[in-house]
Amino acid sequence: MDKENTFNFDSANLADQISTVGELEHAYFHALKSASTVEEIDAVYYLTVASMIKDFRRDFMREHFPDIKETDWCLLKAIETIRQRVYESSNSSYKDLKQINDLWSLVTEHIFGVDMSGCVSCREDMEKGSHEDSLE
């Protein structure tokens, strides 16, 4: 794959990188779930995929979050996964969405030392845009 067609995680914002961890955990869960519902011979495929996802997620976290404390490593992947699961299952309950976003912000702000409240992805995108424009 040539460099022009690859996603540049260095230019991604922190919220996107955290979401990537959650998506990988989500895919891992589904690969294991699939393995549990098929014949043993087919389960090998899903277990292999799950193993590859787990390895990739670990490598991704080491690369993009090299300074994360040991006490926060699993908390980060768990809080992002929980947030995604609540988004999928909340039936748009304001209370559920508010509570998980407040909890997610509390945890991620502790880990990274930056304000993660509100739509941090949009805020970071806006800030990058104005900074990049000023460089031209």
C-alpha atoms as a PDB file:
ATOM      1  CA  MET A   1       0.000   0.000   0.000  1.00  0.00           C
ATOM      2  CA  ASP A   2       1.505   3.353  -0.953  1.00  0.00           C
ATOM      3  CA  LYS A   3       1.922   6.101   1.615  1.00  0.00           C
ATOM      4  CA  GLU A   4      -0.743   8.360   0.029  1.00  0.00           C
ATOM      5  CA  ASN A   5      -3.468   5.771   0.660  1.00  0.00           C
ATOM      6  CA  THR A   6      -2.686   5.082   4.317  1.00  0.00           C
ATOM      7  CA  PHE A   7      -4.261   6.778   7.301  1.00  0.00           C
ATOM      8  CA  ASN A   8      -1.776   8.992   9.089  1.00  0.00           C
ATOM      9  CA  PHE A   9      -2.350   8.430  12.801  1.00  0.00           C
ATOM     10  CA  ASP A  10       0.194  11.139  13.616  1.00  0.00           C
ATOM     11  CA  SER A  11      -2.281  13.706  12.324  1.00  0.00           C
ATOM     12  CA  ALA A  12      -5.268  12.056  14.021  1.00  0.00           C
ATOM     13  CA  ASN A  13      -6.586  13.629  17.130  1.00  0.00           C
ATOM     14  CA  LEU A  14      -6.428  11.983  20.529  1.00  0.00           C
ATOM     15  CA  ALA A  15     -10.122  11.137  20.621  1.00  0.00           C
ATOM     16  CA  ASP A  16      -9.815   9.292  17.289  1.00  0.00           C
ATOM     17  CA  GLN A  17      -6.863   7.305  18.591  1.00  0.00           C
ATOM     18  CA  ILE A  18      -8.776   6.372  21.745  1.00  0.00           C
ATOM     19  CA  SER A  19     -11.771   5.364  19.617  1.00  0.00           C
ATOM     20  CA  THR A  20      -9.497   3.141  17.540  1.00  0.00           C
ATOM     21  CA  VAL A  21      -8.597   1.223  20.697  1.00  0.00           C
ATOM     22  CA  GLY A  22     -12.280   0.770  21.464  1.00  0.00           C
ATOM     23  CA  GLU A  23     -13.075  -0.363  17.933  1.00  0.00           C
ATOM     24  CA  LEU A  24     -10.295  -2.929  18.107  1.00  0.00           C
ATOM     25  CA  GLU A  25     -11.639  -4.245  21.413  1.00  0.00           C
ATOM     26  CA  HIS A  26     -15.098  -4.340  19.834  1.00  0.00           C
ATOM     27  CA  ALA A  27     -13.829  -6.335  16.841  1.00  0.00           C
ATOM     28  CA  TYR A  28     -11.964  -8.660  19.216  1.00  0.00           C
ATOM     29  CA  PHE A  29     -15.194  -9.308  21.139  1.00  0.00           C
ATOM     30  CA  HIS A  30     -17.086 -10.080  17.941  1.00  0.00           C
ATOM     31  CA  ALA A  31     -14.400 -12.416  16.631  1.00  0.00           C
ATOM     32  CA  LEU A  32     -14.550 -14.389  19.878  1.00  0.00           C
ATOM     33  CA  LYS A  33     -18.356 -14.340  19.818  1.00  0.00           C
ATOM     34  CA  SER A  34     -18.295 -15.680  16.255  1.00  0.00           C
ATOM     35  CA  ALA A  35     -15.856 -18.426  17.285  1.00  0.00           C
ATOM     36  CA  SER A  36     -18.305 -19.559  19.936  1.00  0.00           C
ATOM     37  CA  THR A  37     -21.170 -19.969  17.443  1.00  0.00           C
ATOM     38  CA  VAL A  38     -19.581 -22.018  14.664  1.00  0.00           C
ATOM     39  CA  GLU A  39     -18.197 -25.512  14.252  1.00  0.00           C
ATOM     40  CA  GLU A  40     -14.764 -26.091  15.724  1.00  0.00           C
ATOM     41  CA  ILE A  41     -13.038 -26.161  12.340  1.00  0.00           C
ATOM     42  CA  ASP A  42     -14.461 -22.723  11.491  1.00  0.00           C
ATOM     43  CA  ALA A  43     -13.710 -21.394  14.960  1.00  0.00           C
ATOM     44  CA  VAL A  44      -9.989 -21.551  14.179  1.00  0.00           C
ATOM     45  CA  TYR A  45     -10.435 -18.719  11.680  1.00  0.00           C
ATOM     46  CA  TYR A  46     -12.238 -16.461  14.183  1.00  0.00           C
ATOM     47  CA  LEU A  47      -9.778 -17.258  16.967  1.00  0.00           C
ATOM     48  CA  THR A  48      -6.904 -16.383  14.626  1.00  0.00           C
ATOM     49  CA  VAL A  49      -8.575 -13.086  13.723  1.00  0.00           C
ATOM     50  CA  ALA A  50      -9.162 -12.351  17.421  1.00  0.00           C
ATOM     51  CA  SER A  51      -5.499 -13.007  18.191  1.00  0.00           C
ATOM     52  CA  MET A  52      -4.372 -10.738  15.360  1.00  0.00           C
ATOM     53  CA  ILE A  53      -6.712  -7.975  16.547  1.00  0.00           C
ATOM     54  CA  LYS A  54      -5.416  -8.238  20.109  1.00  0.00           C
ATOM     55  CA  ASP A  55      -1.792  -8.065  18.930  1.00  0.00           C
ATOM     56  CA  PHE A  56      -2.545  -5.064  16.728  1.00  0.00           C
ATOM     57  CA  ARG A  57      -4.386  -3.261  19.547  1.00  0.00           C
ATOM     58  CA  ARG A  58      -1.455  -3.800  21.924  1.00  0.00           C
ATOM     59  CA  ASP A  59       1.038  -2.544  19.325  1.00  0.00           C
ATOM     60  CA  PHE A  60      -1.190   0.437  18.534  1.00  0.00           C
ATOM     61  CA  MET A  61      -1.441   1.411  22.195  1.00  0.00           C
ATOM     62  CA  ARG A  62       2.308   1.036  22.752  1.00  0.00           C
ATOM     63  CA  GLU A  63       3.029   3.216  19.718  1.00  0.00           C
ATOM     64  CA  HIS A  64       0.445   5.944  20.263  1.00  0.00           C
ATOM     65  CA  PHE A  65       0.287   5.975  24.065  1.00  0.00           C
ATOM     66  CA  PRO A  66       3.872   5.139  25.079  1.00  0.00           C
ATOM     67  CA  ASP A  67       3.700   7.020  28.372  1.00  0.00           C
ATOM     68  CA  ILE A  68       0.443   5.560  29.665  1.00  0.00           C
ATOM     69  CA  LYS A  69       0.710   4.295  33.234  1.00  0.00           C
ATOM     70  CA  GLU A  70       0.334   0.593  33.915  1.00  0.00           C
ATOM     71  CA  THR A  71      -2.659   1.360  36.126  1.00  0.00           C
ATOM     72  CA  ASP A  72      -4.405   3.121  33.226  1.00  0.00           C
ATOM     73  CA  TRP A  73      -3.594   0.737  30.332  1.00  0.00           C
ATOM     74  CA  CYS A  74      -6.621  -1.549  30.711  1.00  0.00           C
ATOM     75  CA  LEU A  75      -8.828   1.212  32.086  1.00  0.00           C
ATOM     76  CA  LEU A  76      -8.431   3.135  28.819  1.00  0.00           C
ATOM     77  CA  LYS A  77      -9.404   0.219  26.603  1.00  0.00           C
ATOM     78  CA  ALA A  78     -12.267  -0.720  28.924  1.00  0.00           C
ATOM     79  CA  ILE A  79     -13.791   2.771  29.233  1.00  0.00           C
ATOM     80  CA  GLU A  80     -13.767   3.295  25.472  1.00  0.00           C
ATOM     81  CA  THR A  81     -15.306  -0.131  24.892  1.00  0.00           C
ATOM     82  CA  ILE A  82     -17.985   0.538  27.502  1.00  0.00           C
ATOM     83  CA  ARG A  83     -18.779   3.889  25.902  1.00  0.00           C
ATOM     84  CA  GLN A  84     -19.255   2.251  22.514  1.00  0.00           C
ATOM     85  CA  ARG A  85     -21.436  -0.499  23.969  1.00  0.00           C
ATOM     86  CA  VAL A  86     -23.628   2.086  25.726  1.00  0.00           C
ATOM     87  CA  TYR A  87     -23.926   4.044  22.472  1.00  0.00           C
ATOM     88  CA  GLU A  88     -25.119   0.853  20.747  1.00  0.00           C
ATOM     89  CA  SER A  89     -27.530  -0.226  23.454  1.00  0.00           C
ATOM     90  CA  SER A  90     -28.828   2.904  25.155  1.00  0.00           C
ATOM     91  CA  ASN A  91     -31.813   3.459  22.850  1.00  0.00           C
ATOM     92  CA  SER A  92     -30.792   7.113  22.911  1.00  0.00           C
ATOM     93  CA  SER A  93     -31.348   7.436  26.644  1.00  0.00           C
ATOM     94  CA  TYR A  94     -30.058  10.883  27.582  1.00  0.00           C
ATOM     95  CA  LYS A  95     -29.258   9.678  31.093  1.00  0.00           C
ATOM     96  CA  ASP A  96     -27.158   6.729  29.851  1.00  0.00           C
ATOM     97  CA  LEU A  97     -25.359   8.822  27.246  1.00  0.00           C
ATOM     98  CA  LYS A  98     -24.647  11.642  29.710  1.00  0.00           C
ATOM     99  CA  GLN A  99     -23.370   9.295  32.403  1.00  0.00           C
ATOM    100  CA  ILE A 100     -21.044   7.338  30.122  1.00  0.00           C
ATOM    101  CA  ASN A 101     -19.670  10.490  28.507  1.00  0.00           C
ATOM    102  CA  ASP A 102     -19.021  12.059  31.909  1.00  0.00           C
ATOM    103  CA  LEU A 103     -17.286   8.884  33.089  1.00  0.00           C
ATOM    104  CA  TRP A 104     -15.290   8.608  29.841  1.00  0.00           C
ATOM    105  CA  SER A 105     -14.188  12.246  30.151  1.00  0.00           C
ATOM    106  CA  LEU A 106     -13.150  11.772  33.768  1.00  0.00           C
ATOM    107  CA  VAL A 107     -11.012   8.734  32.946  1.00  0.00           C
ATOM    108  CA  THR A 108      -9.445  10.052  29.736  1.00  0.00           C
ATOM    109  CA  GLU A 109      -8.715  13.475  31.242  1.00  0.00           C
ATOM    110  CA  HIS A 110      -6.933  11.748  34.135  1.00  0.00           C
ATOM    111  CA  ILE A 111      -4.876   9.599  31.765  1.00  0.00           C
ATOM    112  CA  PHE A 112      -3.928  12.269  29.224  1.00  0.00           C
ATOM    113  CA  GLY A 113      -4.156  15.494  31.229  1.00  0.00           C
ATOM    114  CA  VAL A 114      -6.293  17.293  28.651  1.00  0.00           C
ATOM    115  CA  ASP A 115      -9.919  18.404  28.558  1.00  0.00           C
ATOM    116  CA  MET A 116     -11.852  15.590  26.893  1.00  0.00           C
ATOM    117  CA  SER A 117     -15.341  16.952  27.563  1.00  0.00           C
ATOM    118  CA  GLY A 118     -17.809  17.882  24.856  1.00  0.00           C
ATOM    119  CA  CYS A 119     -17.020  16.895  21.314  1.00  0.00           C
ATOM    120  CA  VAL A 120     -13.278  16.782  21.705  1.00  0.00           C
ATOM    121  CA  SER A 121     -12.854  15.357  18.189  1.00  0.00           C
ATOM    122  CA  CYS A 122     -14.548  18.400  16.667  1.00  0.00           C
ATOM    123  CA  ARG A 123     -12.647  20.815  18.884  1.00  0.00           C
ATOM    124  CA  GLU A 124      -9.324  19.207  17.968  1.00  0.00           C
ATOM    125  CA  ASP A 125     -10.271  19.196  14.292  1.00  0.00           C
ATOM    126  CA  MET A 126     -11.138  22.899  14.430  1.00  0.00           C
ATOM    127  CA  GLU A 127      -7.883  23.724  16.209  1.00  0.00           C
ATOM    128  CA  LYS A 128      -5.801  21.742  13.717  1.00  0.00           C
ATOM    129  CA  GLY A 129      -7.522  23.436  10.809  1.00  0.00           C
ATOM    130  CA  SER A 130      -6.783  26.947  12.048  1.00  0.00           C
ATOM    131  CA  HIS A 131      -3.200  26.023  12.962  1.00  0.00           C
ATOM    132  CA  GLU A 132      -2.561  24.414   9.572  1.00  0.00           C
ATOM    133  CA  ASP A 133      -4.117  27.387   7.776  1.00  0.00           C
ATOM    134  CA  SER A 134      -1.762  29.768   9.576  1.00  0.00           C
ATOM    135  CA  LEU A 135       1.241  27.779   8.342  1.00  0.00           C
ATOM    136  CA  GLU A 136       0.403  28.420   4.684  1.00  0.00           C
END
